[in-house]
Amino acid sequence: MKILNIFFLLVILGAIVAKLVTFNELSSNGVTGYSYWCFNWTFNVTKANSIIVFWKENSTTAYVNKLLFFDFIFIIAYTLFLCNLSYNMLQQQNRLYLNIWLRMGIGCILLAALLNLVQDYFIHMALDLKHTWGFMPFIVCTKWFLVFLGVVPIIVSGFLKPRQTV
């Protein structure tokens, strides 16, 4: 049953990513460096502002809004997937430090998802304004750091077999 849940979530994630890729390409109008993913990975406010201006000037904001909708679904799906994976690893591990680390990882994944939602909300708001906010790079950095902190215990747990109890 656990394998079926993970497989089902992977299929959903794959379908959503396919839509995200399509709208990502449409959001940049084929111009390198102005896609949603470039915005999502930029840690520079000036570059973020130039991407927002590009979207407005090239009338691609409708594609960005559609992308944000699918990103919302993706956030829910990847959060469920990673939390489910962490929980399954948590049930298999009997090492105390790894159990604590996996529980903290679930918290990090949930916080990263919340920050991702906040980021998307501010992107949506920025499409109506002329600028982004100066704290967007902080949200981006913190989100990716939390994702990293949430995924590392899953990877480590996957390599460590549970201790044999006597």
Protein backbone atom coordinates (compact mmCIF):
# COMPACT_ATOMS: atom_id res chain seq x y z
CA MET A 1 0.00 0.00 0.00
CA LYS A 2 2.84 2.42 0.84
CA ILE A 3 4.49 1.72 -2.52
CA LEU A 4 1.19 2.41 -4.29
CA ASN A 5 0.81 5.76 -2.50
CA ILE A 6 4.35 6.79 -3.41
CA PHE A 7 3.86 5.66 -7.02
CA PHE A 8 0.55 7.55 -7.26
CA LEU A 9 2.14 10.72 -5.91
CA LEU A 10 5.06 10.36 -8.35
CA VAL A 11 2.64 10.07 -11.28
CA ILE A 12 0.79 13.18 -10.12
CA LEU A 13 4.07 15.05 -9.66
CA GLY A 14 5.17 14.04 -13.16
CA ALA A 15 1.93 15.28 -14.73
CA ILE A 16 2.13 18.58 -12.86
CA VAL A 17 5.79 19.08 -13.78
CA ALA A 18 4.89 18.56 -17.45
CA LYS A 19 2.35 21.41 -17.19
CA LEU A 20 4.83 23.57 -15.28
CA VAL A 21 7.45 23.07 -18.00
CA THR A 22 4.95 24.14 -20.67
CA PHE A 23 3.89 27.31 -18.86
CA ASN A 24 7.49 28.05 -17.88
CA GLU A 25 8.46 28.14 -21.55
CA LEU A 26 5.44 30.29 -22.40
CA SER A 27 6.18 32.71 -19.55
CA SER A 28 9.61 33.51 -21.01
CA ASN A 29 8.32 33.83 -24.56
CA GLY A 30 11.39 31.81 -25.57
CA VAL A 31 13.85 34.34 -24.16
CA THR A 32 16.56 32.79 -21.99
CA GLY A 33 16.77 34.09 -18.44
CA TYR A 34 13.20 35.37 -18.13
CA SER A 35 11.26 32.26 -17.22
CA TYR A 36 9.50 31.56 -13.95
CA TRP A 37 12.25 29.14 -12.97
CA CYS A 38 14.87 31.83 -13.50
CA PHE A 39 12.83 34.03 -11.19
CA ASN A 40 12.50 31.16 -8.72
CA TRP A 41 16.27 30.71 -8.55
CA THR A 42 17.34 34.35 -8.58
CA PHE A 43 18.80 35.78 -5.40
CA ASN A 44 19.06 39.27 -6.89
CA VAL A 45 16.22 41.80 -6.49
CA THR A 46 17.23 43.72 -9.62
CA LYS A 47 17.08 40.57 -11.76
CA ALA A 48 13.74 39.62 -10.19
CA ASN A 49 12.34 43.06 -11.02
CA SER A 50 13.58 42.82 -14.60
CA ILE A 51 11.85 39.45 -15.02
CA ILE A 52 8.56 40.89 -13.69
CA VAL A 53 8.86 43.85 -16.09
CA PHE A 54 9.63 41.45 -18.95
CA TRP A 55 6.49 39.43 -18.20
CA LYS A 56 4.36 42.58 -18.23
CA GLU A 57 5.91 44.05 -21.38
CA ASN A 58 5.60 40.78 -23.30
CA SER A 59 2.05 40.03 -22.15
CA THR A 60 3.00 36.70 -20.60
CA THR A 61 1.42 37.39 -17.20
CA ALA A 62 -1.54 35.13 -18.04
CA TYR A 63 0.88 32.23 -18.50
CA VAL A 64 2.63 33.11 -15.26
CA ASN A 65 -0.71 33.11 -13.42
CA LYS A 66 -1.56 29.69 -14.88
CA LEU A 67 1.89 28.49 -13.87
CA LEU A 68 1.30 29.77 -10.33
CA PHE A 69 -1.94 27.76 -10.19
CA PHE A 70 -0.13 24.57 -11.21
CA ASP A 71 2.70 25.43 -8.85
CA PHE A 72 0.15 25.58 -6.03
CA ILE A 73 -0.95 22.03 -6.90
CA PHE A 74 2.71 21.00 -7.21
CA ILE A 75 3.48 22.41 -3.76
CA ILE A 76 0.71 20.30 -2.24
CA ALA A 77 1.82 17.20 -4.15
CA TYR A 78 5.54 17.48 -3.35
CA THR A 79 4.77 18.25 0.28
CA LEU A 80 2.59 15.15 0.53
CA PHE A 81 5.20 13.08 -1.29
CA LEU A 82 8.17 14.17 0.83
CA CYS A 83 6.26 14.04 4.12
CA ASN A 84 4.90 10.59 3.21
CA LEU A 85 8.40 9.42 2.32
CA SER A 86 9.82 10.84 5.57
CA TYR A 87 7.05 9.25 7.59
CA ASN A 88 7.65 5.86 5.95
CA MET A 89 11.38 6.15 6.69
CA LEU A 90 10.52 7.18 10.24
CA GLN A 91 8.50 3.98 10.71
CA GLN A 92 11.42 1.85 9.52
CA GLN A 93 14.25 3.44 11.47
CA ASN A 94 14.97 2.62 15.09
CA ARG A 95 17.89 5.01 15.52
CA LEU A 96 16.84 7.82 17.85
CA TYR A 97 18.96 10.52 16.19
CA LEU A 98 17.58 9.60 12.75
CA ASN A 99 13.99 9.59 14.01
CA ILE A 100 14.47 13.07 15.45
CA TRP A 101 16.18 14.23 12.26
CA LEU A 102 13.36 12.84 10.09
CA ARG A 103 10.74 14.56 12.28
CA MET A 104 12.65 17.84 11.98
CA GLY A 105 12.87 17.21 8.23
CA ILE A 106 9.08 16.94 8.01
CA GLY A 107 8.83 20.30 9.78
CA CYS A 108 11.36 21.80 7.35
CA ILE A 109 9.41 20.46 4.37
CA LEU A 110 6.19 21.97 5.71
CA LEU A 111 7.87 25.33 6.33
CA ALA A 112 9.42 25.27 2.85
CA ALA A 113 5.99 24.61 1.33
CA LEU A 114 4.54 27.52 3.29
CA LEU A 115 7.34 29.81 2.09
CA ASN A 116 6.77 28.59 -1.46
CA LEU A 117 3.11 29.57 -1.17
CA VAL A 118 4.08 32.98 0.21
CA GLN A 119 6.56 33.44 -2.64
CA ASP A 120 3.93 32.58 -5.25
CA TYR A 121 1.47 34.97 -3.61
CA PHE A 122 3.99 37.81 -3.80
CA ILE A 123 4.80 36.94 -7.42
CA HIS A 124 1.08 37.14 -8.21
CA MET A 125 0.87 40.50 -6.42
CA ALA A 126 4.01 41.77 -8.18
CA LEU A 127 2.38 41.14 -11.55
CA ASP A 128 -0.08 43.93 -10.67
CA LEU A 129 2.60 46.25 -9.31
CA LYS A 130 5.79 47.57 -10.87
CA HIS A 131 8.29 45.87 -8.59
CA THR A 132 8.96 42.92 -6.34
CA TRP A 133 9.79 43.13 -2.68
CA GLY A 134 13.32 43.28 -1.36
CA PHE A 135 12.81 40.23 0.83
CA MET A 136 12.05 37.89 -2.09
CA PRO A 137 15.68 36.64 -2.25
CA PHE A 138 15.45 35.87 1.47
CA ILE A 139 12.29 33.80 0.87
CA VAL A 140 13.93 31.98 -2.06
CA CYS A 141 17.13 31.20 -0.11
CA THR A 142 15.28 30.11 3.00
CA LYS A 143 12.85 27.94 1.03
CA TRP A 144 15.61 26.05 -0.77
CA PHE A 145 17.62 25.68 2.44
CA LEU A 146 14.58 24.19 4.20
CA VAL A 147 13.96 21.81 1.29
CA PHE A 148 17.58 20.70 1.55
CA LEU A 149 17.22 20.17 5.33
CA GLY A 150 14.05 18.15 4.73
CA VAL A 151 15.45 15.92 1.98
CA VAL A 152 18.87 15.10 3.48
CA PRO A 153 17.47 12.93 6.33
CA ILE A 154 15.37 11.00 3.79
CA ILE A 155 18.48 10.27 1.74
CA VAL A 156 20.56 9.33 4.79
CA SER A 157 17.77 7.13 6.12
CA GLY A 158 17.58 5.39 2.75
CA PHE A 159 21.22 4.34 3.05
CA LEU A 160 21.08 3.20 6.67
CA LYS A 161 19.44 -0.08 7.46
CA PRO A 162 17.56 -0.27 10.75
CA ARG A 163 19.59 -1.74 13.59
CA GLN A 164 18.85 -5.31 14.45
CA THR A 165 17.26 -5.66 17.86
CA VAL A 166 18.14 -8.68 19.86
